[in-house]
Protein backbone atom coordinates (compact mmCIF):
# COMPACT_ATOMS: atom_id res chain seq x y z
CA UNK A 1 2.37 94.34 -12.89
CA UNK A 2 5.27 96.80 -13.02
CA UNK A 3 5.48 98.95 -9.93
CA UNK A 4 5.85 102.72 -10.30
CA UNK A 5 9.10 104.29 -9.22
CA UNK A 6 7.74 106.28 -6.28
CA UNK A 7 11.26 107.36 -5.29
CA UNK A 8 11.46 109.42 -8.48
CA UNK A 9 8.95 111.89 -7.02
CA UNK A 10 11.54 113.13 -4.50
CA UNK A 11 14.24 114.38 -6.91
CA UNK A 12 11.61 115.60 -9.41
CA UNK A 13 10.07 117.75 -6.64
CA UNK A 14 13.36 119.66 -6.49
CA UNK A 15 12.84 121.00 -10.01
CA UNK A 16 10.66 124.01 -9.00
CA UNK A 17 13.34 125.05 -6.51
CA UNK A 18 16.13 124.82 -9.11
CA UNK A 19 14.13 126.53 -11.86
CA UNK A 20 12.90 129.15 -9.38
CA UNK A 21 16.49 129.98 -8.43
CA UNK A 22 17.12 130.80 -12.09
CA UNK A 23 13.71 132.21 -13.12
CA UNK A 24 13.32 134.60 -10.19
CA UNK A 25 16.95 135.72 -10.26
CA UNK A 26 17.16 139.52 -10.65
CA UNK A 27 19.00 139.02 -13.96
CA UNK A 28 16.08 137.03 -15.39
CA UNK A 29 12.57 137.90 -14.09
CA UNK A 30 13.35 138.75 -10.45
CA UNK A 31 13.17 142.53 -10.75
CA UNK A 32 10.05 142.43 -12.93
CA UNK A 33 8.37 140.00 -10.53
CA UNK A 34 9.22 142.16 -7.49
CA UNK A 35 7.91 145.28 -9.25
CA UNK A 36 4.62 143.66 -10.29
CA UNK A 37 4.23 142.02 -6.84
CA UNK A 38 5.03 145.35 -5.16
CA UNK A 39 7.82 143.73 -3.15
CA UNK A 40 11.18 145.33 -2.49
CA UNK A 41 14.44 143.39 -2.29
CA UNK A 42 14.51 143.54 1.51
CA UNK A 43 11.05 141.99 1.82
CA UNK A 44 11.84 139.37 -0.85
CA UNK A 45 14.80 138.19 1.22
CA UNK A 46 13.01 138.30 4.56
CA UNK A 47 11.03 135.48 6.11
CA UNK A 48 11.91 132.03 7.29
CA UNK A 49 13.68 130.59 4.24
CA UNK A 50 13.77 127.07 5.67
CA UNK A 51 9.99 127.18 6.03
CA UNK A 52 9.52 128.72 2.56
CA UNK A 53 11.79 126.24 0.76
CA UNK A 54 10.56 123.30 2.85
CA UNK A 55 6.91 123.99 2.10
CA UNK A 56 7.76 124.67 -1.54
CA UNK A 57 9.35 121.22 -1.69
CA UNK A 58 6.34 119.62 0.00
CA UNK A 59 3.89 121.30 -2.39
CA UNK A 60 6.13 120.29 -5.30
CA UNK A 61 5.89 116.67 -4.14
CA UNK A 62 2.10 116.95 -4.32
CA UNK A 63 2.33 118.44 -7.81
CA UNK A 64 4.78 115.73 -8.92
CA UNK A 65 2.38 113.03 -7.76
CA UNK A 66 -0.52 114.52 -9.70
CA UNK A 67 1.59 115.04 -12.83
CA UNK A 68 2.75 111.41 -12.64
CA UNK A 69 -0.82 110.17 -12.31
CA UNK A 70 -1.97 112.35 -15.20
CA UNK A 71 0.89 111.68 -17.59
CA UNK A 72 1.38 107.95 -17.02
CA UNK A 73 -1.84 106.58 -18.45
CA UNK A 74 -1.09 103.07 -17.21
CA UNK A 75 -1.73 104.28 -13.68
CA UNK A 76 -5.42 104.32 -14.60
CA UNK A 77 -5.54 100.54 -14.90
CA UNK A 78 -3.94 100.19 -11.46
CA UNK A 79 -6.41 102.67 -9.96
CA UNK A 80 -9.34 100.81 -11.49
CA UNK A 81 -8.56 97.77 -9.32
CA UNK A 82 -6.94 99.59 -6.38
CA UNK A 83 -7.79 97.93 -3.11
CA UNK A 84 -9.15 94.77 -4.73
CA UNK A 85 -7.53 91.84 -2.89
CA UNK A 86 -7.68 89.75 -6.08
CA UNK A 87 -5.02 92.00 -7.60
CA UNK A 88 -2.46 90.55 -5.18
CA UNK A 89 -3.39 86.97 -6.11
CA UNK A 90 -1.32 86.04 -9.19
CA UNK A 91 -3.91 83.38 -10.14
CA UNK A 92 -6.95 85.67 -10.07
CA UNK A 93 -8.71 86.85 -13.23
CA UNK A 94 -8.04 90.50 -12.34
CA UNK A 95 -4.33 89.93 -11.78
CA UNK A 96 -4.05 87.97 -15.03
CA UNK A 97 -5.93 90.66 -16.95
CA UNK A 98 -3.83 93.52 -15.53
CA UNK A 99 -0.55 91.70 -16.15
CA UNK A 100 -1.52 90.84 -19.74
CA UNK A 101 -2.72 94.40 -20.34
CA UNK A 102 0.52 95.87 -18.98
CA UNK A 103 2.61 93.43 -21.02
CA UNK A 104 0.80 94.52 -24.18
CA UNK A 105 0.28 98.23 -23.50
CA UNK A 106 2.56 99.10 -20.58
CA UNK A 107 5.01 101.13 -22.63
CA UNK A 108 2.49 103.18 -24.62
CA UNK A 109 2.94 106.94 -24.37
CA UNK A 110 5.86 106.59 -21.95
CA UNK A 111 8.21 109.21 -23.39
CA UNK A 112 9.75 112.43 -22.18
CA UNK A 113 7.90 114.38 -24.89
CA UNK A 114 4.52 112.91 -23.94
CA UNK A 115 5.12 113.81 -20.30
CA UNK A 116 6.15 117.34 -21.29
CA UNK A 117 2.86 117.81 -23.13
CA UNK A 118 0.91 116.72 -20.04
CA UNK A 119 3.04 118.97 -17.82
CA UNK A 120 2.38 121.96 -20.07
CA UNK A 121 -1.34 121.17 -20.19
CA UNK A 122 -1.43 120.96 -16.41
CA UNK A 123 0.36 124.28 -16.01
CA UNK A 124 -1.82 126.07 -18.53
CA UNK A 125 -5.24 124.62 -17.72
CA UNK A 126 -4.89 124.49 -13.94
CA UNK A 127 -2.05 126.88 -13.19
CA UNK A 128 -3.11 129.73 -15.44
CA UNK A 129 -6.70 129.41 -14.26
CA UNK A 130 -5.73 129.55 -10.58
CA UNK A 131 -3.09 132.24 -10.92
CA UNK A 132 -5.34 134.26 -13.24
CA UNK A 133 -8.24 134.16 -10.78
CA UNK A 134 -5.97 135.20 -7.91
CA UNK A 135 -4.58 138.07 -10.02
CA UNK A 136 -8.06 139.31 -10.77
CA UNK A 137 -9.10 139.44 -7.13
CA UNK A 138 -5.75 140.79 -5.93
CA UNK A 139 -5.80 143.42 -8.71
CA UNK A 140 -2.43 142.24 -9.96
CA UNK A 141 -1.35 142.99 -13.53
CA UNK A 142 -1.41 140.13 -16.00
CA UNK A 143 2.35 140.56 -16.39
CA UNK A 144 2.53 139.11 -12.87
CA UNK A 145 0.44 136.12 -13.96
CA UNK A 146 2.54 135.53 -17.06
CA UNK A 147 5.78 135.58 -15.08
CA UNK A 148 4.43 132.89 -12.79
CA UNK A 149 2.74 130.77 -15.44
CA UNK A 150 5.90 130.83 -17.56
CA UNK A 151 7.79 129.46 -14.57
CA UNK A 152 5.21 126.71 -13.96
CA UNK A 153 5.07 125.73 -17.64
CA UNK A 154 8.82 125.12 -17.62
CA UNK A 155 8.75 123.32 -14.24
CA UNK A 156 5.79 121.09 -15.09
CA UNK A 157 7.11 120.32 -18.59
CA UNK A 158 10.40 119.03 -17.16
CA UNK A 159 8.68 117.26 -14.27
CA UNK A 160 6.13 115.64 -16.58
CA UNK A 161 8.82 114.55 -19.02
CA UNK A 162 10.94 112.88 -16.36
CA UNK A 163 7.99 111.26 -14.63
CA UNK A 164 6.43 109.92 -17.81
CA UNK A 165 9.75 108.53 -19.05
CA UNK A 166 11.01 106.98 -15.81
CA UNK A 167 8.09 106.61 -13.36
């Protein structure tokens, strides 16, 4: 059975940092975001940036993992038999079945476009729901939510595309 490229998660997790540098730049959505978040420029630049960027990267790794699992459908067959010792035995019925299945169907839906669709779905159905709920309770305007969800749609689309194509 083909092994996933786990190392790909590490560079893909950098995408939210790169896109965020552009998206939240004052010349793009930075000023609008600060206004809707009620943050001034001094506060936006304060804080421990190593901690902020480090935790952002860590959380992005978690997101990359979940996007990979959701967009690469072949991971489902591996999870079905995860932990079964027979999977490691090349002569077992399970191992034979999984290898034959992957030979026949292992490349289905493994395209950048397919991954983008799953990334966008993840951003909209999970991200918008979570950000929207937080905005309601924090009494934030929906403009604030749309700035953030737009960012996550772009990030997750690129992440999903790369992971589905190359994971």
